[in-house]
Amino acid sequence: KESKPSWSKKVKEHVKYYTDYTAIVGYPQEHGDAKW
């Protein structure tokens, strides 16, 4: 039921939420994440 333009907008919006989140918290690297 979703149109392509509408869905494309939602995809970009929520992918940005995820990328912004991972940018904030980082991730466990080989020697450990400094913020963690």
All heavy atoms as atom14 arrays in JSON, in Angstrom:
{
  "sequence": "KESKPSWSKKVKEHVKYYTDYTAIVGYPQEHGDAKW",
  "atom14_mask": [
    [1, 1, 1, 1, 1, 1, 1, 1, 1, 0, 0, 0, 0, 0],
    [1, 1, 1, 1, 1, 1, 1, 1, 1, 0, 0, 0, 0, 0],
    [1, 1, 1, 1, 1, 1, 0, 0, 0, 0, 0, 0, 0, 0],
    [1, 1, 1, 1, 1, 1, 1, 1, 1, 0, 0, 0, 0, 0],
    [1, 1, 1, 1, 1, 1, 1, 0, 0, 0, 0, 0, 0, 0],
    [1, 1, 1, 1, 1, 1, 0, 0, 0, 0, 0, 0, 0, 0],
    [1, 1, 1, 1, 1, 1, 1, 1, 1, 1, 1, 1, 1, 1],
    [1, 1, 1, 1, 1, 1, 0, 0, 0, 0, 0, 0, 0, 0],
    [1, 1, 1, 1, 1, 1, 1, 1, 1, 0, 0, 0, 0, 0],
    [1, 1, 1, 1, 1, 1, 1, 1, 1, 0, 0, 0, 0, 0],
    [1, 1, 1, 1, 1, 1, 1, 0, 0, 0, 0, 0, 0, 0],
    [1, 1, 1, 1, 1, 1, 1, 1, 1, 0, 0, 0, 0, 0],
    [1, 1, 1, 1, 1, 1, 1, 1, 1, 0, 0, 0, 0, 0],
    [1, 1, 1, 1, 1, 1, 1, 1, 1, 1, 0, 0, 0, 0],
    [1, 1, 1, 1, 1, 1, 1, 0, 0, 0, 0, 0, 0, 0],
    [1, 1, 1, 1, 1, 1, 1, 1, 1, 0, 0, 0, 0, 0],
    [1, 1, 1, 1, 1, 1, 1, 1, 1, 1, 1, 1, 0, 0],
    [1, 1, 1, 1, 1, 1, 1, 1, 1, 1, 1, 1, 0, 0],
    [1, 1, 1, 1, 1, 1, 1, 0, 0, 0, 0, 0, 0, 0],
    [1, 1, 1, 1, 1, 1, 1, 1, 0, 0, 0, 0, 0, 0],
    [1, 1, 1, 1, 1, 1, 1, 1, 1, 1, 1, 1, 0, 0],
    [1, 1, 1, 1, 1, 1, 1, 0, 0, 0, 0, 0, 0, 0],
    [1, 1, 1, 1, 1, 0, 0, 0, 0, 0, 0, 0, 0, 0],
    [1, 1, 1, 1, 1, 1, 1, 1, 0, 0, 0, 0, 0, 0],
    [1, 1, 1, 1, 1, 1, 1, 0, 0, 0, 0, 0, 0, 0],
    [1, 1, 1, 1, 0, 0, 0, 0, 0, 0, 0, 0, 0, 0],
    [1, 1, 1, 1, 1, 1, 1, 1, 1, 1, 1, 1, 0, 0],
    [1, 1, 1, 1, 1, 1, 1, 0, 0, 0, 0, 0, 0, 0],
    [1, 1, 1, 1, 1, 1, 1, 1, 1, 0, 0, 0, 0, 0],
    [1, 1, 1, 1, 1, 1, 1, 1, 1, 0, 0, 0, 0, 0],
    [1, 1, 1, 1, 1, 1, 1, 1, 1, 1, 0, 0, 0, 0],
    [1, 1, 1, 1, 0, 0, 0, 0, 0, 0, 0, 0, 0, 0],
    [1, 1, 1, 1, 1, 1, 1, 1, 0, 0, 0, 0, 0, 0],
    [1, 1, 1, 1, 1, 0, 0, 0, 0, 0, 0, 0, 0, 0],
    [1, 1, 1, 1, 1, 1, 1, 1, 1, 0, 0, 0, 0, 0],
    [1, 1, 1, 1, 1, 1, 1, 1, 1, 1, 1, 1, 1, 1]
  ],
  "atom14_positions": [
    [[0.8, -1.22, 0.0], [0.0, 0.0, 0.0], [0.84, 1.28, 0.0], [0.3, 2.37, -0.13], [-0.95, 0.01, 1.2], [-2.01, -1.08, 1.15], [-2.95, -0.98, 2.34], [-4.03, -2.06, 2.29], [-4.96, -1.97, 3.45], [0.0, 0.0, 0.0], [0.0, 0.0, 0.0], [0.0, 0.0, 0.0], [0.0, 0.0, 0.0], [0.0, 0.0, 0.0]],
    [[2.15, 1.14, 0.17], [3.02, 2.32, 0.21], [3.46, 2.71, -1.2], [3.88, 1.85, -1.98], [4.26, 2.04, 1.07], [3.99, 1.95, 2.56], [3.85, 3.31, 3.21], [4.24, 4.32, 2.61], [3.33, 3.35, 4.35], [0.0, 0.0, 0.0], [0.0, 0.0, 0.0], [0.0, 0.0, 0.0], [0.0, 0.0, 0.0], [0.0, 0.0, 0.0]],
    [[3.39, 4.0, -1.51], [3.9, 4.48, -2.8], [5.43, 4.56, -2.73], [6.01, 4.69, -1.64], [3.33, 5.85, -3.13], [3.78, 6.82, -2.19], [0.0, 0.0, 0.0], [0.0, 0.0, 0.0], [0.0, 0.0, 0.0], [0.0, 0.0, 0.0], [0.0, 0.0, 0.0], [0.0, 0.0, 0.0], [0.0, 0.0, 0.0], [0.0, 0.0, 0.0]],
    [[6.08, 4.51, -3.87], [7.55, 4.54, -3.9], [8.12, 5.82, -3.3], [9.06, 5.77, -2.49], [8.04, 4.34, -5.32], [7.93, 2.9, -5.82], [8.58, 2.75, -7.17], [8.5, 1.28, -7.63], [9.13, 1.1, -8.97], [0.0, 0.0, 0.0], [0.0, 0.0, 0.0], [0.0, 0.0, 0.0], [0.0, 0.0, 0.0], [0.0, 0.0, 0.0]],
    [[7.58, 7.0, -3.65], [8.14, 8.24, -3.06], [7.96, 8.29, -1.53], [8.88, 8.68, -0.81], [7.33, 9.35, -3.73], [6.84, 8.75, -5.0], [6.58, 7.32, -4.69], [0.0, 0.0, 0.0], [0.0, 0.0, 0.0], [0.0, 0.0, 0.0], [0.0, 0.0, 0.0], [0.0, 0.0, 0.0], [0.0, 0.0, 0.0], [0.0, 0.0, 0.0]],
    [[6.77, 7.88, -1.08], [6.51, 7.89, 0.36], [7.43, 6.92, 1.09], [7.98, 7.24, 2.15], [5.05, 7.53, 0.62], [4.81, 7.38, 2.01], [0.0, 0.0, 0.0], [0.0, 0.0, 0.0], [0.0, 0.0, 0.0], [0.0, 0.0, 0.0], [0.0, 0.0, 0.0], [0.0, 0.0, 0.0], [0.0, 0.0, 0.0], [0.0, 0.0, 0.0]],
    [[7.59, 5.72, 0.53], [8.44, 4.71, 1.16], [9.91, 5.13, 1.15], [10.63, 4.92, 2.12], [8.26, 3.36, 0.48], [8.95, 2.24, 1.2], [10.0, 1.49, 0.76], [8.65, 1.76, 2.52], [10.37, 0.57, 1.7], [9.56, 0.71, 2.79], [7.69, 2.12, 3.48], [9.54, 0.02, 3.99], [7.69, 1.43, 4.68], [8.6, 0.4, 4.93]],
    [[10.33, 5.73, 0.05], [11.72, 6.19, -0.06], [12.03, 7.22, 1.02], [13.1, 7.19, 1.64], [11.95, 6.8, -1.44], [13.26, 7.31, -1.54], [0.0, 0.0, 0.0], [0.0, 0.0, 0.0], [0.0, 0.0, 0.0], [0.0, 0.0, 0.0], [0.0, 0.0, 0.0], [0.0, 0.0, 0.0], [0.0, 0.0, 0.0], [0.0, 0.0, 0.0]],
    [[11.07, 8.1, 1.29], [11.25, 9.12, 2.33], [11.37, 8.46, 3.71], [12.24, 8.83, 4.52], [10.07, 10.09, 2.31], [10.17, 11.21, 3.33], [8.96, 12.14, 3.25], [9.05, 13.24, 4.3], [7.86, 14.14, 4.26], [0.0, 0.0, 0.0], [0.0, 0.0, 0.0], [0.0, 0.0, 0.0], [0.0, 0.0, 0.0], [0.0, 0.0, 0.0]],
    [[10.53, 7.46, 3.99], [10.56, 6.78, 5.28], [11.86, 5.99, 5.46], [12.44, 5.97, 6.55], [9.36, 5.83, 5.4], [8.03, 6.55, 5.58], [6.88, 5.57, 5.68], [5.55, 6.3, 5.85], [4.4, 5.37, 5.91], [0.0, 0.0, 0.0], [0.0, 0.0, 0.0], [0.0, 0.0, 0.0], [0.0, 0.0, 0.0], [0.0, 0.0, 0.0]],
    [[12.32, 5.37, 4.39], [13.57, 4.6, 4.45], [14.74, 5.51, 4.8], [15.53, 5.23, 5.71], [13.84, 3.87, 3.12], [15.27, 3.33, 3.07], [12.84, 2.74, 2.92], [0.0, 0.0, 0.0], [0.0, 0.0, 0.0], [0.0, 0.0, 0.0], [0.0, 0.0, 0.0], [0.0, 0.0, 0.0], [0.0, 0.0, 0.0], [0.0, 0.0, 0.0]],
    [[14.85, 6.63, 4.09], [15.95, 7.56, 4.34], [15.9, 8.12, 5.76], [16.92, 8.29, 6.42], [15.9, 8.7, 3.32], [16.28, 8.26, 1.91], [16.21, 9.41, 0.92], [16.58, 8.93, -0.48], [16.46, 10.03, -1.48], [0.0, 0.0, 0.0], [0.0, 0.0, 0.0], [0.0, 0.0, 0.0], [0.0, 0.0, 0.0], [0.0, 0.0, 0.0]],
    [[14.67, 8.42, 6.22], [14.49, 8.98, 7.56], [14.97, 8.01, 8.64], [15.72, 8.39, 9.55], [13.01, 9.32, 7.77], [12.7, 9.91, 9.14], [11.22, 10.18, 9.32], [10.39, 9.6, 8.58], [10.88, 10.96, 10.23], [0.0, 0.0, 0.0], [0.0, 0.0, 0.0], [0.0, 0.0, 0.0], [0.0, 0.0, 0.0], [0.0, 0.0, 0.0]],
    [[14.58, 6.74, 8.53], [14.89, 5.78, 9.59], [16.3, 5.21, 9.47], [16.89, 4.82, 10.49], [13.84, 4.67, 9.6], [12.51, 5.15, 10.11], [11.57, 5.73, 9.29], [11.99, 5.18, 11.37], [10.52, 6.07, 10.01], [10.74, 5.76, 11.26], [0.0, 0.0, 0.0], [0.0, 0.0, 0.0], [0.0, 0.0, 0.0], [0.0, 0.0, 0.0]],
    [[16.84, 5.18, 8.28], [18.26, 4.82, 8.13], [19.12, 5.89, 8.78], [20.13, 5.59, 9.42], [18.63, 4.63, 6.65], [20.14, 4.55, 6.48], [17.99, 3.36, 6.1], [0.0, 0.0, 0.0], [0.0, 0.0, 0.0], [0.0, 0.0, 0.0], [0.0, 0.0, 0.0], [0.0, 0.0, 0.0], [0.0, 0.0, 0.0], [0.0, 0.0, 0.0]],
    [[18.7, 7.15, 8.64], [19.42, 8.25, 9.29], [19.36, 8.11, 10.81], [20.35, 8.38, 11.5], [18.85, 9.6, 8.86], [19.64, 10.8, 9.39], [19.06, 12.12, 8.89], [19.94, 13.3, 9.31], [20.15, 13.39, 10.76], [0.0, 0.0, 0.0], [0.0, 0.0, 0.0], [0.0, 0.0, 0.0], [0.0, 0.0, 0.0], [0.0, 0.0, 0.0]],
    [[18.2, 7.71, 11.35], [18.09, 7.48, 12.79], [19.15, 6.47, 13.24], [19.81, 6.64, 14.27], [16.7, 6.96, 13.16], [15.58, 7.96, 13.03], [14.27, 7.54, 12.84], [15.82, 9.34, 13.09], [13.22, 8.45, 12.72], [14.79, 10.25, 12.96], [13.49, 9.8, 12.78], [12.46, 10.7, 12.66], [0.0, 0.0, 0.0], [0.0, 0.0, 0.0]],
    [[19.28, 5.41, 12.45], [20.23, 4.35, 12.82], [21.67, 4.84, 12.71], [22.48, 4.62, 13.63], [20.03, 3.12, 11.94], [21.03, 2.02, 12.23], [20.86, 1.18, 13.32], [22.15, 1.85, 11.42], [21.8, 0.19, 13.6], [23.09, 0.85, 11.7], [22.9, 0.03, 12.78], [23.83, -0.96, 13.06], [0.0, 0.0, 0.0], [0.0, 0.0, 0.0]],
    [[22.02, 5.5, 11.61], [23.4, 5.97, 11.44], [23.75, 7.03, 12.48], [24.88, 7.08, 12.97], [23.62, 6.52, 10.02], [22.63, 7.52, 9.72], [23.5, 5.4, 8.99], [0.0, 0.0, 0.0], [0.0, 0.0, 0.0], [0.0, 0.0, 0.0], [0.0, 0.0, 0.0], [0.0, 0.0, 0.0], [0.0, 0.0, 0.0], [0.0, 0.0, 0.0]],
    [[22.78, 7.91, 12.81], [23.03, 8.91, 13.86], [23.25, 8.24, 15.21], [24.12, 8.66, 15.98], [21.84, 9.87, 13.96], [21.76, 10.85, 12.8], [22.73, 10.93, 12.02], [20.72, 11.53, 12.66], [0.0, 0.0, 0.0], [0.0, 0.0, 0.0], [0.0, 0.0, 0.0], [0.0, 0.0, 0.0], [0.0, 0.0, 0.0], [0.0, 0.0, 0.0]],
    [[22.47, 7.2, 15.47], [22.6, 6.48, 16.74], [23.98, 5.84, 16.87], [24.66, 5.98, 17.89], [21.51, 5.41, 16.87], [21.69, 4.54, 18.09], [21.4, 5.02, 19.36], [22.21, 3.24, 17.99], [21.6, 4.24, 20.5], [22.4, 2.46, 19.1], [22.1, 2.96, 20.36], [22.3, 2.18, 21.47], [0.0, 0.0, 0.0], [0.0, 0.0, 0.0]],
    [[24.4, 5.12, 15.83], [25.71, 4.44, 15.89], [26.85, 5.44, 15.94], [27.91, 5.15, 16.52], [25.9, 3.5, 14.68], [25.7, 4.23, 13.46], [24.89, 2.36, 14.72], [0.0, 0.0, 0.0], [0.0, 0.0, 0.0], [0.0, 0.0, 0.0], [0.0, 0.0, 0.0], [0.0, 0.0, 0.0], [0.0, 0.0, 0.0], [0.0, 0.0, 0.0]],
    [[26.64, 6.63, 15.36], [27.67, 7.67, 15.46], [27.82, 8.17, 16.89], [28.92, 8.53, 17.33], [27.33, 8.83, 14.52], [0.0, 0.0, 0.0], [0.0, 0.0, 0.0], [0.0, 0.0, 0.0], [0.0, 0.0, 0.0], [0.0, 0.0, 0.0], [0.0, 0.0, 0.0], [0.0, 0.0, 0.0], [0.0, 0.0, 0.0], [0.0, 0.0, 0.0]],
    [[26.71, 8.18, 17.63], [26.74, 8.64, 19.03], [27.43, 7.62, 19.93], [28.29, 7.97, 20.74], [25.3, 8.9, 19.54], [24.69, 10.11, 18.84], [25.29, 9.13, 21.06], [23.21, 10.31, 19.12], [0.0, 0.0, 0.0], [0.0, 0.0, 0.0], [0.0, 0.0, 0.0], [0.0, 0.0, 0.0], [0.0, 0.0, 0.0], [0.0, 0.0, 0.0]],
    [[27.06, 6.34, 19.8], [27.55, 5.34, 20.76], [28.81, 4.63, 20.29], [29.48, 3.96, 21.08], [26.46, 4.29, 21.06], [25.25, 4.94, 21.68], [26.08, 3.49, 19.82], [0.0, 0.0, 0.0], [0.0, 0.0, 0.0], [0.0, 0.0, 0.0], [0.0, 0.0, 0.0], [0.0, 0.0, 0.0], [0.0, 0.0, 0.0], [0.0, 0.0, 0.0]],
    [[29.17, 4.75, 19.0], [30.33, 4.03, 18.5], [30.06, 2.54, 18.45], [28.92, 2.09, 18.41], [0.0, 0.0, 0.0], [0.0, 0.0, 0.0], [0.0, 0.0, 0.0], [0.0, 0.0, 0.0], [0.0, 0.0, 0.0], [0.0, 0.0, 0.0], [0.0, 0.0, 0.0], [0.0, 0.0, 0.0], [0.0, 0.0, 0.0], [0.0, 0.0, 0.0]],
    [[31.12, 1.74, 18.48], [30.95, 0.29, 18.5], [32.2, -0.36, 19.09], [33.29, 0.22, 19.1], [30.66, -0.25, 17.09], [31.72, 0.05, 16.05], [32.72, -0.87, 15.75], [31.7, 1.26, 15.35], [33.68, -0.6, 14.8], [32.66, 1.53, 14.38], [33.64, 0.6, 14.11], [34.6, 0.87, 13.17], [0.0, 0.0, 0.0], [0.0, 0.0, 0.0]],
    [[32.06, -1.59, 19.61], [33.2, -2.25, 20.28], [34.28, -2.66, 19.29], [34.14, -3.62, 18.56], [32.55, -3.48, 20.94], [31.33, -3.75, 20.14], [30.84, -2.42, 19.65], [0.0, 0.0, 0.0], [0.0, 0.0, 0.0], [0.0, 0.0, 0.0], [0.0, 0.0, 0.0], [0.0, 0.0, 0.0], [0.0, 0.0, 0.0], [0.0, 0.0, 0.0]],
    [[35.36, -1.9, 19.27], [36.47, -2.2, 18.37], [37.38, -3.24, 19.02], [37.13, -3.72, 20.11], [37.24, -0.92, 18.07], [36.37, 0.18, 17.44], [37.07, 1.52, 17.43], [38.07, 1.72, 18.12], [36.53, 2.45, 16.65], [0.0, 0.0, 0.0], [0.0, 0.0, 0.0], [0.0, 0.0, 0.0], [0.0, 0.0, 0.0], [0.0, 0.0, 0.0]],
    [[38.46, -3.54, 18.32], [39.38, -4.58, 18.81], [39.94, -4.23, 20.18], [40.07, -5.08, 21.05], [40.53, -4.76, 17.8], [41.5, -5.87, 18.18], [42.61, -6.03, 17.17], [42.54, -5.39, 16.11], [43.54, -6.8, 17.44], [0.0, 0.0, 0.0], [0.0, 0.0, 0.0], [0.0, 0.0, 0.0], [0.0, 0.0, 0.0], [0.0, 0.0, 0.0]],
    [[40.27, -2.97, 20.38], [40.83, -2.55, 21.67], [39.8, -1.85, 22.55], [40.15, -1.22, 23.54], [42.03, -1.64, 21.44], [43.13, -2.3, 20.67], [43.87, -3.35, 21.16], [43.58, -2.07, 19.43], [44.75, -3.73, 20.26], [44.6, -2.97, 19.19], [0.0, 0.0, 0.0], [0.0, 0.0, 0.0], [0.0, 0.0, 0.0], [0.0, 0.0, 0.0]],
    [[38.54, -1.97, 22.19], [37.48, -1.39, 23.01], [37.15, 0.04, 22.61], [38.01, 0.8, 22.18], [0.0, 0.0, 0.0], [0.0, 0.0, 0.0], [0.0, 0.0, 0.0], [0.0, 0.0, 0.0], [0.0, 0.0, 0.0], [0.0, 0.0, 0.0], [0.0, 0.0, 0.0], [0.0, 0.0, 0.0], [0.0, 0.0, 0.0], [0.0, 0.0, 0.0]],
    [[35.92, 0.41, 22.71], [35.48, 1.75, 22.37], [35.68, 2.68, 23.57], [35.3, 2.35, 24.69], [34.0, 1.71, 21.97], [33.45, 3.08, 21.67], [33.86, 3.65, 20.64], [32.65, 3.59, 22.47], [0.0, 0.0, 0.0], [0.0, 0.0, 0.0], [0.0, 0.0, 0.0], [0.0, 0.0, 0.0], [0.0, 0.0, 0.0], [0.0, 0.0, 0.0]],
    [[36.24, 3.85, 23.31], [36.59, 4.77, 24.4], [35.36, 5.23, 25.18], [35.37, 5.26, 26.42], [37.33, 5.98, 23.83], [0.0, 0.0, 0.0], [0.0, 0.0, 0.0], [0.0, 0.0, 0.0], [0.0, 0.0, 0.0], [0.0, 0.0, 0.0], [0.0, 0.0, 0.0], [0.0, 0.0, 0.0], [0.0, 0.0, 0.0], [0.0, 0.0, 0.0]],
    [[34.28, 5.58, 24.47], [33.08, 6.05, 25.14], [32.45, 4.94, 25.97], [31.97, 5.18, 27.08], [32.08, 6.57, 24.1], [30.92, 7.34, 24.7], [30.09, 8.01, 23.61], [28.99, 8.87, 24.25], [28.18, 9.55, 23.22], [0.0, 0.0, 0.0], [0.0, 0.0, 0.0], [0.0, 0.0, 0.0], [0.0, 0.0, 0.0], [0.0, 0.0, 0.0]],
    [[32.44, 3.74, 25.45], [31.91, 2.57, 26.14], [32.71, 2.3, 27.42], [32.15, 2.08, 28.5], [31.96, 1.39, 25.18], [31.66, 0.02, 25.7], [32.41, -1.1, 25.5], [30.51, -0.42, 26.43], [31.82, -2.2, 26.07], [30.65, -1.8, 26.65], [29.4, 0.22, 26.94], [29.7, -2.55, 27.35], [28.45, -0.52, 27.63], [28.61, -1.87, 27.82]]
  ]
}
